[in-house]
Amino acid sequence: MHRSRIGVILIDHDPATFEAGVAFWAGVQGVRPIPDKEGRYVSVGEVGSLALEVQRLDEGSPRIHVDIETDDVEAEVARLEGLGASLVRRRDGYAVMTDPGGVPFCVVPVQTGDSFVEDAREWE
């Protein structure tokens, strides 16, 4: 048995537009942006129980993607492959995948703390 849920909505920006993106999304939410220690992720509030973050990309086009958080990354990757997702690559502790239409998302360890236990679904 493992648990999972969509936990984070990420708004990806390249370095040239990152600061403007942070300012915009913080303004949309009416919050003060809170960067992580490395400056790669900036929290700009929540949408219900979902965290909303702006992510600085090293490469790639601006986009929005979701993180599916889980207490067992390997089990969740296998479950999602069974639903038609494709594994793109494994990273240190998480996996990058695409849905059947090619839309990217990540499967990550639990990031949101207490709300995960309350909101996650259990899978056999």
PDB file of N, CA and C in Angstrom:
ATOM      1  N   MET A   1       0.836  -1.172   0.000  1.00  0.00           N
ATOM      2  CA  MET A   1       0.000   0.000   0.000  1.00  0.00           C
ATOM      3  C   MET A   1       0.894   1.253   0.000  1.00  0.00           C
ATOM      4  N   HIS A   2       0.450   2.246  -0.766  1.00  0.00           N
ATOM      5  CA  HIS A   2       1.117   3.546  -0.709  1.00  0.00           C
ATOM      6  C   HIS A   2       0.065   4.632  -0.901  1.00  0.00           C
ATOM      7  N   ARG A   3       0.465   5.879  -0.685  1.00  0.00           N
ATOM      8  CA  ARG A   3      -0.440   7.014  -0.832  1.00  0.00           C
ATOM      9  C   ARG A   3       0.149   8.022  -1.804  1.00  0.00           C
ATOM     10  N   SER A   4      -0.743   8.781  -2.463  1.00  0.00           N
ATOM     11  CA  SER A   4      -0.282   9.843  -3.361  1.00  0.00           C
ATOM     12  C   SER A   4      -1.376  10.888  -3.525  1.00  0.00           C
ATOM     13  N   ARG A   5      -0.960  12.049  -4.025  1.00  0.00           N
ATOM     14  CA  ARG A   5      -1.890  13.120  -4.367  1.00  0.00           C
ATOM     15  C   ARG A   5      -1.141  14.161  -5.184  1.00  0.00           C
ATOM     16  N   ILE A   6      -1.868  14.970  -5.928  1.00  0.00           N
ATOM     17  CA  ILE A   6      -1.262  16.129  -6.561  1.00  0.00           C
ATOM     18  C   ILE A   6      -1.018  17.125  -5.442  1.00  0.00           C
ATOM     19  N   GLY A   7       0.234  17.525  -5.268  1.00  0.00           N
ATOM     20  CA  GLY A   7       0.584  18.366  -4.130  1.00  0.00           C
ATOM     21  C   GLY A   7       1.065  19.752  -4.473  1.00  0.00           C
ATOM     22  N   VAL A   8       1.665  19.915  -5.664  1.00  0.00           N
ATOM     23  CA  VAL A   8       2.271  21.196  -6.005  1.00  0.00           C
ATOM     24  C   VAL A   8       1.961  21.542  -7.454  1.00  0.00           C
ATOM     25  N   ILE A   9       1.608  22.790  -7.696  1.00  0.00           N
ATOM     26  CA  ILE A   9       1.515  23.338  -9.053  1.00  0.00           C
ATOM     27  C   ILE A   9       2.751  24.202  -9.230  1.00  0.00           C
ATOM     28  N   LEU A  10       3.556  23.894 -10.252  1.00  0.00           N
ATOM     29  CA  LEU A  10       4.786  24.639 -10.505  1.00  0.00           C
ATOM     30  C   LEU A  10       4.655  25.452 -11.786  1.00  0.00           C
ATOM     31  N   ILE A  11       5.058  26.695 -11.707  1.00  0.00           N
ATOM     32  CA  ILE A  11       5.075  27.587 -12.860  1.00  0.00           C
ATOM     33  C   ILE A  11       6.540  27.759 -13.225  1.00  0.00           C
ATOM     34  N   ASP A  12       6.949  27.145 -14.328  1.00  0.00           N
ATOM     35  CA  ASP A  12       8.353  27.093 -14.723  1.00  0.00           C
ATOM     36  C   ASP A  12       8.729  28.286 -15.588  1.00  0.00           C
ATOM     37  N   HIS A  13       9.854  28.925 -15.247  1.00  0.00           N
ATOM     38  CA  HIS A  13      10.369  30.059 -16.026  1.00  0.00           C
ATOM     39  C   HIS A  13      11.856  29.882 -16.254  1.00  0.00           C
ATOM     40  N   ASP A  14      12.330  30.343 -17.402  1.00  0.00           N
ATOM     41  CA  ASP A  14      13.770  30.357 -17.623  1.00  0.00           C
ATOM     42  C   ASP A  14      14.366  31.522 -16.835  1.00  0.00           C
ATOM     43  N   PRO A  15      15.693  31.567 -16.681  1.00  0.00           N
ATOM     44  CA  PRO A  15      16.304  32.616 -15.864  1.00  0.00           C
ATOM     45  C   PRO A  15      15.946  34.041 -16.298  1.00  0.00           C
ATOM     46  N   ALA A  16      15.740  34.265 -17.589  1.00  0.00           N
ATOM     47  CA  ALA A  16      15.447  35.616 -18.086  1.00  0.00           C
ATOM     48  C   ALA A  16      14.094  36.134 -17.620  1.00  0.00           C
ATOM     49  N   THR A  17      13.135  35.259 -17.377  1.00  0.00           N
ATOM     50  CA  THR A  17      11.791  35.695 -16.990  1.00  0.00           C
ATOM     51  C   THR A  17      11.413  35.302 -15.564  1.00  0.00           C
ATOM     52  N   PHE A  18      12.336  34.643 -14.860  1.00  0.00           N
ATOM     53  CA  PHE A  18      12.031  34.111 -13.537  1.00  0.00           C
ATOM     54  C   PHE A  18      11.565  35.188 -12.552  1.00  0.00           C
ATOM     55  N   GLU A  19      12.317  36.257 -12.398  1.00  0.00           N
ATOM     56  CA  GLU A  19      11.963  37.294 -11.421  1.00  0.00           C
ATOM     57  C   GLU A  19      10.623  37.951 -11.753  1.00  0.00           C
ATOM     58  N   ALA A  20      10.389  38.225 -13.026  1.00  0.00           N
ATOM     59  CA  ALA A  20       9.108  38.813 -13.433  1.00  0.00           C
ATOM     60  C   ALA A  20       7.967  37.832 -13.166  1.00  0.00           C
ATOM     61  N   GLY A  21       8.219  36.550 -13.404  1.00  0.00           N
ATOM     62  CA  GLY A  21       7.201  35.536 -13.127  1.00  0.00           C
ATOM     63  C   GLY A  21       6.875  35.446 -11.657  1.00  0.00           C
ATOM     64  N   VAL A  22       7.908  35.488 -10.806  1.00  0.00           N
ATOM     65  CA  VAL A  22       7.691  35.464  -9.355  1.00  0.00           C
ATOM     66  C   VAL A  22       6.846  36.664  -8.932  1.00  0.00           C
ATOM     67  N   ALA A  23       7.230  37.856  -9.398  1.00  0.00           N
ATOM     68  CA  ALA A  23       6.490  39.068  -9.024  1.00  0.00           C
ATOM     69  C   ALA A  23       5.037  38.982  -9.484  1.00  0.00           C
ATOM     70  N   PHE A  24       4.823  38.487 -10.700  1.00  0.00           N
ATOM     71  CA  PHE A  24       3.464  38.391 -11.227  1.00  0.00           C
ATOM     72  C   PHE A  24       2.611  37.441 -10.393  1.00  0.00           C
ATOM     73  N   TRP A  25       3.093  36.207 -10.181  1.00  0.00           N
ATOM     74  CA  TRP A  25       2.282  35.214  -9.482  1.00  0.00           C
ATOM     75  C   TRP A  25       2.099  35.550  -8.005  1.00  0.00           C
ATOM     76  N   ALA A  26       3.088  36.173  -7.386  1.00  0.00           N
ATOM     77  CA  ALA A  26       2.898  36.646  -6.009  1.00  0.00           C
ATOM     78  C   ALA A  26       1.825  37.730  -5.983  1.00  0.00           C
ATOM     79  N   GLY A  27       1.821  38.609  -6.997  1.00  0.00           N
ATOM     80  CA  GLY A  27       0.795  39.643  -7.097  1.00  0.00           C
ATOM     81  C   GLY A  27      -0.590  39.055  -7.323  1.00  0.00           C
ATOM     82  N   VAL A  28      -0.668  38.027  -8.166  1.00  0.00           N
ATOM     83  CA  VAL A  28      -1.955  37.358  -8.397  1.00  0.00           C
ATOM     84  C   VAL A  28      -2.512  36.829  -7.082  1.00  0.00           C
ATOM     85  N   GLN A  29      -1.643  36.233  -6.278  1.00  0.00           N
ATOM     86  CA  GLN A  29      -2.067  35.632  -5.013  1.00  0.00           C
ATOM     87  C   GLN A  29      -2.159  36.648  -3.877  1.00  0.00           C
ATOM     88  N   GLY A  30      -1.536  37.826  -4.051  1.00  0.00           N
ATOM     89  CA  GLY A  30      -1.520  38.824  -2.993  1.00  0.00           C
ATOM     90  C   GLY A  30      -0.657  38.418  -1.818  1.00  0.00           C
ATOM     91  N   VAL A  31       0.493  37.776  -2.113  1.00  0.00           N
ATOM     92  CA  VAL A  31       1.381  37.295  -1.057  1.00  0.00           C
ATOM     93  C   VAL A  31       2.802  37.801  -1.277  1.00  0.00           C
ATOM     94  N   ARG A  32       3.606  37.702  -0.232  1.00  0.00           N
ATOM     95  CA  ARG A  32       5.026  37.978  -0.340  1.00  0.00           C
ATOM     96  C   ARG A  32       5.698  36.676  -0.775  1.00  0.00           C
ATOM     97  N   PRO A  33       6.485  36.681  -1.852  1.00  0.00           N
ATOM     98  CA  PRO A  33       7.147  35.453  -2.293  1.00  0.00           C
ATOM     99  C   PRO A  33       8.171  34.964  -1.273  1.00  0.00           C
ATOM    100  N   ILE A  34       8.257  33.644  -1.121  1.00  0.00           N
ATOM    101  CA  ILE A  34       9.195  33.044  -0.174  1.00  0.00           C
ATOM    102  C   ILE A  34      10.110  32.093  -0.940  1.00  0.00           C
ATOM    103  N   PRO A  35      11.382  32.512  -1.178  1.00  0.00           N
ATOM    104  CA  PRO A  35      12.309  31.654  -1.924  1.00  0.00           C
ATOM    105  C   PRO A  35      12.881  30.533  -1.055  1.00  0.00           C
ATOM    106  N   ASP A  36      13.293  29.433  -1.718  1.00  0.00           N
ATOM    107  CA  ASP A  36      14.028  28.398  -1.001  1.00  0.00           C
ATOM    108  C   ASP A  36      15.487  28.843  -0.860  1.00  0.00           C
ATOM    109  N   LYS A  37      16.295  28.064  -0.199  1.00  0.00           N
ATOM    110  CA  LYS A  37      17.683  28.447   0.077  1.00  0.00           C
ATOM    111  C   LYS A  37      18.508  28.627  -1.189  1.00  0.00           C
ATOM    112  N   GLU A  38      18.246  27.816  -2.220  1.00  0.00           N
ATOM    113  CA  GLU A  38      19.018  27.887  -3.454  1.00  0.00           C
ATOM    114  C   GLU A  38      18.474  28.916  -4.446  1.00  0.00           C
ATOM    115  N   GLY A  39      17.281  29.415  -4.212  1.00  0.00           N
ATOM    116  CA  GLY A  39      16.674  30.371  -5.130  1.00  0.00           C
ATOM    117  C   GLY A  39      16.089  29.749  -6.383  1.00  0.00           C
ATOM    118  N   ARG A  40      15.936  28.422  -6.402  1.00  0.00           N
ATOM    119  CA  ARG A  40      15.366  27.736  -7.566  1.00  0.00           C
ATOM    120  C   ARG A  40      13.841  27.696  -7.513  1.00  0.00           C
ATOM    121  N   TYR A  41      13.294  27.621  -6.305  1.00  0.00           N
ATOM    122  CA  TYR A  41      11.851  27.571  -6.114  1.00  0.00           C
ATOM    123  C   TYR A  41      11.432  28.737  -5.235  1.00  0.00           C
ATOM    124  N   VAL A  42      10.288  29.323  -5.576  1.00  0.00           N
ATOM    125  CA  VAL A  42       9.746  30.407  -4.767  1.00  0.00           C
ATOM    126  C   VAL A  42       8.274  30.114  -4.521  1.00  0.00           C
ATOM    127  N   SER A  43       7.898  30.034  -3.251  1.00  0.00           N
ATOM    128  CA  SER A  43       6.505  29.815  -2.902  1.00  0.00           C
ATOM    129  C   SER A  43       5.721  31.114  -3.107  1.00  0.00           C
ATOM    130  N   VAL A  44       4.583  30.994  -3.784  1.00  0.00           N
ATOM    131  CA  VAL A  44       3.701  32.147  -3.981  1.00  0.00           C
ATOM    132  C   VAL A  44       2.286  31.803  -3.499  1.00  0.00           C
ATOM    133  N   GLY A  45       2.230  31.082  -2.371  1.00  0.00           N
ATOM    134  CA  GLY A  45       0.955  30.805  -1.739  1.00  0.00           C
ATOM    135  C   GLY A  45       0.433  29.415  -1.996  1.00  0.00           C
ATOM    136  N   GLU A  46      -0.848  29.264  -1.781  1.00  0.00           N
ATOM    137  CA  GLU A  46      -1.527  27.983  -1.944  1.00  0.00           C
ATOM    138  C   GLU A  46      -2.812  28.175  -2.725  1.00  0.00           C
ATOM    139  N   VAL A  47      -3.246  27.088  -3.343  1.00  0.00           N
ATOM    140  CA  VAL A  47      -4.543  27.023  -4.004  1.00  0.00           C
ATOM    141  C   VAL A  47      -5.257  25.849  -3.348  1.00  0.00           C
ATOM    142  N   GLY A  48      -6.137  26.144  -2.410  1.00  0.00           N
ATOM    143  CA  GLY A  48      -6.707  25.077  -1.588  1.00  0.00           C
ATOM    144  C   GLY A  48      -5.599  24.444  -0.787  1.00  0.00           C
ATOM    145  N   SER A  49      -5.437  23.126  -0.902  1.00  0.00           N
ATOM    146  CA  SER A  49      -4.343  22.452  -0.191  1.00  0.00           C
ATOM    147  C   SER A  49      -3.120  22.245  -1.080  1.00  0.00           C
ATOM    148  N   LEU A  50      -3.140  22.796  -2.302  1.00  0.00           N
ATOM    149  CA  LEU A  50      -2.000  22.675  -3.217  1.00  0.00           C
ATOM    150  C   LEU A  50      -1.041  23.834  -3.028  1.00  0.00           C
ATOM    151  N   ALA A  51       0.256  23.532  -2.986  1.00  0.00           N
ATOM    152  CA  ALA A  51       1.272  24.585  -2.943  1.00  0.00           C
ATOM    153  C   ALA A  51       1.421  25.154  -4.360  1.00  0.00           C
ATOM    154  N   LEU A  52       1.615  26.458  -4.463  1.00  0.00           N
ATOM    155  CA  LEU A  52       1.853  27.130  -5.740  1.00  0.00           C
ATOM    156  C   LEU A  52       3.264  27.694  -5.700  1.00  0.00           C
ATOM    157  N   GLU A  53       4.115  27.257  -6.637  1.00  0.00           N
ATOM    158  CA  GLU A  53       5.508  27.675  -6.646  1.00  0.00           C
ATOM    159  C   GLU A  53       5.939  28.074  -8.049  1.00  0.00           C
ATOM    160  N   VAL A  54       6.892  28.998  -8.105  1.00  0.00           N
ATOM    161  CA  VAL A  54       7.544  29.354  -9.348  1.00  0.00           C
ATOM    162  C   VAL A  54       8.911  28.685  -9.317  1.00  0.00           C
ATOM    163  N   GLN A  55       9.269  27.990 -10.408  1.00  0.00           N
ATOM    164  CA  GLN A  55      10.519  27.239 -10.487  1.00  0.00           C
ATOM    165  C   GLN A  55      11.423  27.848 -11.549  1.00  0.00           C
ATOM    166  N   ARG A  56      12.692  28.054 -11.193  1.00  0.00           N
ATOM    167  CA  ARG A  56      13.682  28.546 -12.157  1.00  0.00           C
ATOM    168  C   ARG A  56      14.209  27.350 -12.948  1.00  0.00           C
ATOM    169  N   LEU A  57      14.015  27.382 -14.270  1.00  0.00           N
ATOM    170  CA  LEU A  57      14.526  26.330 -15.143  1.00  0.00           C
ATOM    171  C   LEU A  57      15.964  26.621 -15.544  1.00  0.00           C
ATOM    172  N   ASP A  58      16.734  25.571 -15.754  1.00  0.00           N
ATOM    173  CA  ASP A  58      18.051  25.727 -16.364  1.00  0.00           C
ATOM    174  C   ASP A  58      17.899  25.816 -17.872  1.00  0.00           C
ATOM    175  N   GLU A  59      16.916  25.101 -18.382  1.00  0.00           N
ATOM    176  CA  GLU A  59      16.633  25.088 -19.813  1.00  0.00           C
ATOM    177  C   GLU A  59      15.169  24.734 -20.008  1.00  0.00           C
ATOM    178  N   GLY A  60      14.655  24.987 -21.187  1.00  0.00           N
ATOM    179  CA  GLY A  60      13.271  24.640 -21.478  1.00  0.00           C
ATOM    180  C   GLY A  60      12.380  25.858 -21.550  1.00  0.00           C
ATOM    181  N   SER A  61      11.195  25.634 -22.054  1.00  0.00           N
ATOM    182  CA  SER A  61      10.229  26.705 -22.249  1.00  0.00           C
ATOM    183  C   SER A  61       9.366  26.889 -21.012  1.00  0.00           C
ATOM    184  N   PRO A  62       8.902  28.117 -20.764  1.00  0.00           N
ATOM    185  CA  PRO A  62       7.963  28.324 -19.663  1.00  0.00           C
ATOM    186  C   PRO A  62       6.740  27.419 -19.825  1.00  0.00           C
ATOM    187  N   ARG A  63       6.254  26.920 -18.711  1.00  0.00           N
ATOM    188  CA  ARG A  63       5.093  26.024 -18.704  1.00  0.00           C
ATOM    189  C   ARG A  63       4.599  25.894 -17.282  1.00  0.00           C
ATOM    190  N   ILE A  64       3.494  25.233 -17.129  1.00  0.00           N
ATOM    191  CA  ILE A  64       2.968  24.884 -15.810  1.00  0.00           C
ATOM    192  C   ILE A  64       2.930  23.359 -15.745  1.00  0.00           C
ATOM    193  N   HIS A  65       3.391  22.798 -14.638  1.00  0.00           N
ATOM    194  CA  HIS A  65       3.295  21.349 -14.456  1.00  0.00           C
ATOM    195  C   HIS A  65       2.939  21.049 -13.006  1.00  0.00           C
ATOM    196  N   VAL A  66       2.520  19.815 -12.758  1.00  0.00           N
ATOM    197  CA  VAL A  66       2.165  19.410 -11.402  1.00  0.00           C
ATOM    198  C   VAL A  66       3.180  18.409 -10.876  1.00  0.00           C
ATOM    199  N   ASP A  67       3.311  18.380  -9.569  1.00  0.00           N
ATOM    200  CA  ASP A  67       4.064  17.344  -8.873  1.00  0.00           C
ATOM    201  C   ASP A  67       3.057  16.453  -8.177  1.00  0.00           C
ATOM    202  N   ILE A  68       3.179  15.152  -8.402  1.00  0.00           N
ATOM    203  CA  ILE A  68       2.401  14.179  -7.654  1.00  0.00           C
ATOM    204  C   ILE A  68       3.309  13.715  -6.531  1.00  0.00           C
ATOM    205  N   GLU A  69       2.900  13.996  -5.309  1.00  0.00           N
ATOM    206  CA  GLU A  69       3.728  13.589  -4.174  1.00  0.00           C
ATOM    207  C   GLU A  69       3.224  12.264  -3.627  1.00  0.00           C
ATOM    208  N   THR A  70       4.155  11.480  -3.119  1.00  0.00           N
ATOM    209  CA  THR A  70       3.831  10.135  -2.671  1.00  0.00           C
ATOM    210  C   THR A  70       4.772   9.685  -1.566  1.00  0.00           C
ATOM    211  N   ASP A  71       4.317   8.721  -0.785  1.00  0.00           N
ATOM    212  CA  ASP A  71       5.187   8.139   0.225  1.00  0.00           C
ATOM    213  C   ASP A  71       5.969   6.945  -0.317  1.00  0.00           C
ATOM    214  N   ASP A  72       5.800   6.624  -1.630  1.00  0.00           N
ATOM    215  CA  ASP A  72       6.563   5.548  -2.278  1.00  0.00           C
ATOM    216  C   ASP A  72       6.688   5.876  -3.771  1.00  0.00           C
ATOM    217  N   VAL A  73       7.767   6.538  -4.143  1.00  0.00           N
ATOM    218  CA  VAL A  73       7.942   7.001  -5.524  1.00  0.00           C
ATOM    219  C   VAL A  73       7.886   5.836  -6.510  1.00  0.00           C
ATOM    220  N   GLU A  74       8.591   4.751  -6.231  1.00  0.00           N
ATOM    221  CA  GLU A  74       8.629   3.626  -7.174  1.00  0.00           C
ATOM    222  C   GLU A  74       7.248   3.003  -7.378  1.00  0.00           C
ATOM    223  N   ALA A  75       6.490   2.826  -6.310  1.00  0.00           N
ATOM    224  CA  ALA A  75       5.150   2.252  -6.431  1.00  0.00           C
ATOM    225  C   ALA A  75       4.234   3.184  -7.226  1.00  0.00           C
ATOM    226  N   GLU A  76       4.363   4.488  -7.012  1.00  0.00           N
ATOM    227  CA  GLU A  76       3.507   5.432  -7.725  1.00  0.00           C
ATOM    228  C   GLU A  76       3.887   5.497  -9.203  1.00  0.00           C
ATOM    229  N   VAL A  77       5.179   5.447  -9.520  1.00  0.00           N
ATOM    230  CA  VAL A  77       5.605   5.411 -10.928  1.00  0.00           C
ATOM    231  C   VAL A  77       4.994   4.187 -11.610  1.00  0.00           C
ATOM    232  N   ALA A  78       5.072   3.036 -10.967  1.00  0.00           N
ATOM    233  CA  ALA A  78       4.499   1.816 -11.548  1.00  0.00           C
ATOM    234  C   ALA A  78       2.988   1.949 -11.732  1.00  0.00           C
ATOM    235  N   ARG A  79       2.305   2.521 -10.752  1.00  0.00           N
ATOM    236  CA  ARG A  79       0.843   2.699 -10.858  1.00  0.00           C
ATOM    237  C   ARG A  79       0.494   3.607 -12.029  1.00  0.00           C
ATOM    238  N   LEU A  80       1.236   4.696 -12.174  1.00  0.00           N
ATOM    239  CA  LEU A  80       0.959   5.651 -13.253  1.00  0.00           C
ATOM    240  C   LEU A  80       1.323   5.089 -14.622  1.00  0.00           C
ATOM    241  N   GLU A  81       2.381   4.295 -14.702  1.00  0.00           N
ATOM    242  CA  GLU A  81       2.685   3.616 -15.972  1.00  0.00           C
ATOM    243  C   GLU A  81       1.535   2.693 -16.361  1.00  0.00           C
ATOM    244  N   GLY A  82       0.925   2.048 -15.379  1.00  0.00           N
ATOM    245  CA  GLY A  82      -0.235   1.201 -15.641  1.00  0.00           C
ATOM    246  C   GLY A  82      -1.432   1.976 -16.163  1.00  0.00           C
ATOM    247  N   LEU A  83      -1.472   3.274 -15.862  1.00  0.00           N
ATOM    248  CA  LEU A  83      -2.551   4.137 -16.357  1.00  0.00           C
ATOM    249  C   LEU A  83      -2.219   4.761 -17.717  1.00  0.00           C
ATOM    250  N   GLY A  84      -0.996   4.518 -18.226  1.00  0.00           N
ATOM    251  CA  GLY A  84      -0.627   5.046 -19.535  1.00  0.00           C
ATOM    252  C   GLY A  84       0.453   6.106 -19.539  1.00  0.00           C
ATOM    253  N   ALA A  85       0.994   6.463 -18.363  1.00  0.00           N
ATOM    254  CA  ALA A  85       2.080   7.444 -18.308  1.00  0.00           C
ATOM    255  C   ALA A  85       3.381   6.808 -18.781  1.00  0.00           C
ATOM    256  N   SER A  86       4.321   7.642 -19.204  1.00  0.00           N
ATOM    257  CA  SER A  86       5.642   7.178 -19.633  1.00  0.00           C
ATOM    258  C   SER A  86       6.718   7.807 -18.752  1.00  0.00           C
ATOM    259  N   LEU A  87       7.682   7.001 -18.378  1.00  0.00           N
ATOM    260  CA  LEU A  87       8.823   7.492 -17.611  1.00  0.00           C
ATOM    261  C   LEU A  87       9.788   8.180 -18.569  1.00  0.00           C
ATOM    262  N   VAL A  88      10.138   9.415 -18.288  1.00  0.00           N
ATOM    263  CA  VAL A  88      11.097  10.160 -19.102  1.00  0.00           C
ATOM    264  C   VAL A  88      12.500   9.953 -18.549  1.00  0.00           C
ATOM    265  N   ARG A  89      12.670  10.171 -17.244  1.00  0.00           N
ATOM    266  CA  ARG A  89      13.957   9.948 -16.591  1.00  0.00           C
ATOM    267  C   ARG A  89      13.774   9.941 -15.081  1.00  0.00           C
ATOM    268  N   ARG A  90      14.688   9.244 -14.440  1.00  0.00           N
ATOM    269  CA  ARG A  90      14.749   9.253 -12.981  1.00  0.00           C
ATOM    270  C   ARG A  90      15.780  10.292 -12.571  1.00  0.00           C
ATOM    271  N   ARG A  91      15.468  11.000 -11.536  1.00  0.00           N
ATOM    272  CA  ARG A  91      16.390  11.971 -10.952  1.00  0.00           C
ATOM    273  C   ARG A  91      16.670  11.532  -9.525  1.00  0.00           C
ATOM    274  N   ASP A  92      17.455  12.279  -8.817  1.00  0.00           N
ATOM    275  CA  ASP A  92      17.800  11.942  -7.442  1.00  0.00           C
ATOM    276  C   ASP A  92      16.556  12.000  -6.557  1.00  0.00           C
ATOM    277  N   GLY A  93      15.914  10.845  -6.352  1.00  0.00           N
ATOM    278  CA  GLY A  93      14.777  10.762  -5.455  1.00  0.00           C
ATOM    279  C   GLY A  93      13.419  11.026  -6.068  1.00  0.00           C
ATOM    280  N   TYR A  94      13.357  11.362  -7.366  1.00  0.00           N
ATOM    281  CA  TYR A  94      12.062  11.603  -8.005  1.00  0.00           C
ATOM    282  C   TYR A  94      12.112  11.163  -9.461  1.00  0.00           C
ATOM    283  N   ALA A  95      10.959  11.202 -10.126  1.00  0.00           N
ATOM    284  CA  ALA A  95      10.865  10.774 -11.516  1.00  0.00           C
ATOM    285  C   ALA A  95      10.133  11.828 -12.339  1.00  0.00           C
ATOM    286  N   VAL A  96      10.621  12.024 -13.559  1.00  0.00           N
ATOM    287  CA  VAL A  96       9.949  12.891 -14.528  1.00  0.00           C
ATOM    288  C   VAL A  96       9.179  11.965 -15.464  1.00  0.00           C
ATOM    289  N   MET A  97       7.895  12.270 -15.656  1.00  0.00           N
ATOM    290  CA  MET A  97       7.039  11.428 -16.483  1.00  0.00           C
ATOM    291  C   MET A  97       6.220  12.303 -17.420  1.00  0.00           C
ATOM    292  N   THR A  98       5.527  11.666 -18.358  1.00  0.00           N
ATOM    293  CA  THR A  98       4.545  12.359 -19.187  1.00  0.00           C
ATOM    294  C   THR A  98       3.248  11.566 -19.168  1.00  0.00           C
ATOM    295  N   ASP A  99       2.146  12.295 -19.313  1.00  0.00           N
ATOM    296  CA  ASP A  99       0.858  11.615 -19.428  1.00  0.00           C
ATOM    297  C   ASP A  99       0.739  11.072 -20.852  1.00  0.00           C
ATOM    298  N   PRO A 100      -0.350  10.357 -21.189  1.00  0.00           N
ATOM    299  CA  PRO A 100      -0.463   9.775 -22.532  1.00  0.00           C
ATOM    300  C   PRO A 100      -0.403  10.796 -23.673  1.00  0.00           C
ATOM    301  N   GLY A 101      -0.694  12.060 -23.405  1.00  0.00           N
ATOM    302  CA  GLY A 101      -0.620  13.098 -24.437  1.00  0.00           C
ATOM    303  C   GLY A 101       0.710  13.818 -24.483  1.00  0.00           C
ATOM    304  N   GLY A 102       1.641  13.448 -23.611  1.00  0.00           N
ATOM    305  CA  GLY A 102       2.958  14.068 -23.596  1.00  0.00           C
ATOM    306  C   GLY A 102       3.122  15.217 -22.619  1.00  0.00           C
ATOM    307  N   VAL A 103       2.127  15.485 -21.786  1.00  0.00           N
ATOM    308  CA  VAL A 103       2.213  16.568 -20.798  1.00  0.00           C
ATOM    309  C   VAL A 103       3.122  16.113 -19.649  1.00  0.00           C
ATOM    310  N   PRO A 104       4.174  16.901 -19.336  1.00  0.00           N
ATOM    311  CA  PRO A 104       5.105  16.483 -18.289  1.00  0.00           C
ATOM    312  C   PRO A 104       4.559  16.708 -16.877  1.00  0.00           C
ATOM    313  N   PHE A 105       5.007  15.846 -15.964  1.00  0.00           N
ATOM    314  CA  PHE A 105       4.741  15.997 -14.542  1.00  0.00           C
ATOM    315  C   PHE A 105       5.838  15.245 -13.803  1.00  0.00           C
ATOM    316  N   CYS A 106       5.936  15.464 -12.504  1.00  0.00           N
ATOM    317  CA  CYS A 106       6.940  14.782 -11.695  1.00  0.00           C
ATOM    318  C   CYS A 106       6.270  13.975 -10.597  1.00  0.00           C
ATOM    319  N   VAL A 107       6.901  12.877 -10.222  1.00  0.00           N
ATOM    320  CA  VAL A 107       6.501  12.088  -9.062  1.00  0.00           C
ATOM    321  C   VAL A 107       7.599  12.288  -8.031  1.00  0.00           C
ATOM    322  N   VAL A 108       7.221  12.856  -6.886  1.00  0.00           N
ATOM    323  CA  VAL A 108       8.192  13.299  -5.886  1.00  0.00           C
ATOM    324  C   VAL A 108       7.839  12.749  -4.503  1.00  0.00           C
ATOM    325  N   PRO A 109       8.815  12.696  -3.600  1.00  0.00           N
ATOM    326  CA  PRO A 109       8.483  12.346  -2.213  1.00  0.00           C
ATOM    327  C   PRO A 109       7.586  13.428  -1.602  1.00  0.00           C
ATOM    328  N   VAL A 110       6.965  13.104  -0.496  1.00  0.00           N
ATOM    329  CA  VAL A 110       6.073  14.043   0.193  1.00  0.00           C
ATOM    330  C   VAL A 110       6.810  15.346   0.475  1.00  0.00           C
ATOM    331  N   GLN A 111       6.178  16.472   0.100  1.00  0.00           N
ATOM    332  CA  GLN A 111       6.755  17.795   0.278  1.00  0.00           C
ATOM    333  C   GLN A 111       5.900  18.697   1.156  1.00  0.00           C
ATOM    334  N   THR A 112       4.612  18.410   1.266  1.00  0.00           N
ATOM    335  CA  THR A 112       3.684  19.372   1.866  1.00  0.00           C
ATOM    336  C   THR A 112       3.309  19.071   3.312  1.00  0.00           C
ATOM    337  N   GLY A 113       3.914  18.072   3.920  1.00  0.00           N
ATOM    338  CA  GLY A 113       3.713  17.836   5.348  1.00  0.00           C
ATOM    339  C   GLY A 113       2.332  17.350   5.725  1.00  0.00           C
ATOM    340  N   ASP A 114       1.748  18.007   6.716  1.00  0.00           N
ATOM    341  CA  ASP A 114       0.500  17.559   7.328  1.00  0.00           C
ATOM    342  C   ASP A 114      -0.645  17.388   6.353  1.00  0.00           C
ATOM    343  N   SER A 115      -0.769  18.259   5.361  1.00  0.00           N
ATOM    344  CA  SER A 115      -1.907  18.154   4.447  1.00  0.00           C
ATOM    345  C   SER A 115      -1.830  16.893   3.582  1.00  0.00           C
ATOM    346  N   PHE A 116      -0.648  16.331   3.409  1.00  0.00           N
ATOM    347  CA  PHE A 116      -0.533  15.102   2.619  1.00  0.00           C
ATOM    348  C   PHE A 116      -1.347  13.979   3.241  1.00  0.00           C
ATOM    349  N   VAL A 117      -1.168  13.737   4.510  1.00  0.00           N
ATOM    350  CA  VAL A 117      -1.863  12.645   5.190  1.00  0.00           C
ATOM    351  C   VAL A 117      -3.370  12.831   5.090  1.00  0.00           C
ATOM    352  N   GLU A 118      -3.830  14.058   5.221  1.00  0.00           N
ATOM    353  CA  GLU A 118      -5.266  14.334   5.172  1.00  0.00           C
ATOM    354  C   GLU A 118      -5.849  14.161   3.770  1.00  0.00           C
ATOM    355  N   ASP A 119      -5.088  14.530   2.726  1.00  0.00           N
ATOM    356  CA  ASP A 119      -5.635  14.599   1.371  1.00  0.00           C
ATOM    357  C   ASP A 119      -5.248  13.445   0.456  1.00  0.00           C
ATOM    358  N   ALA A 120      -4.219  12.679   0.791  1.00  0.00           N
ATOM    359  CA  ALA A 120      -3.738  11.632  -0.104  1.00  0.00           C
ATOM    360  C   ALA A 120      -4.715  10.467  -0.187  1.00  0.00           C
ATOM    361  N   ARG A 121      -4.663   9.797  -1.344  1.00  0.00           N
ATOM    362  CA  ARG A 121      -5.461   8.565  -1.536  1.00  0.00           C
ATOM    363  C   ARG A 121      -4.555   7.373  -1.304  1.00  0.00           C
ATOM    364  N   GLU A 122      -5.148   6.293  -0.807  1.00  0.00           N
ATOM    365  CA  GLU A 122      -4.396   5.059  -0.595  1.00  0.00           C
ATOM    366  C   GLU A 122      -4.592   4.144  -1.785  1.00  0.00           C
ATOM    367  N   TRP A 123      -3.484   3.496  -2.185  1.00  0.00           N
ATOM    368  CA  TRP A 123      -3.491   2.556  -3.315  1.00  0.00           C
ATOM    369  C   TRP A 123      -2.930   1.223  -2.867  1.00  0.00           C
ATOM    370  N   GLU A 124      -3.495   0.169  -3.348  1.00  0.00           N
ATOM    371  CA  GLU A 124      -3.005  -1.188  -3.033  1.00  0.00           C
ATOM    372  C   GLU A 124      -1.890  -1.571  -3.969  1.00  0.00           C
TER     373      GLU A 124
END
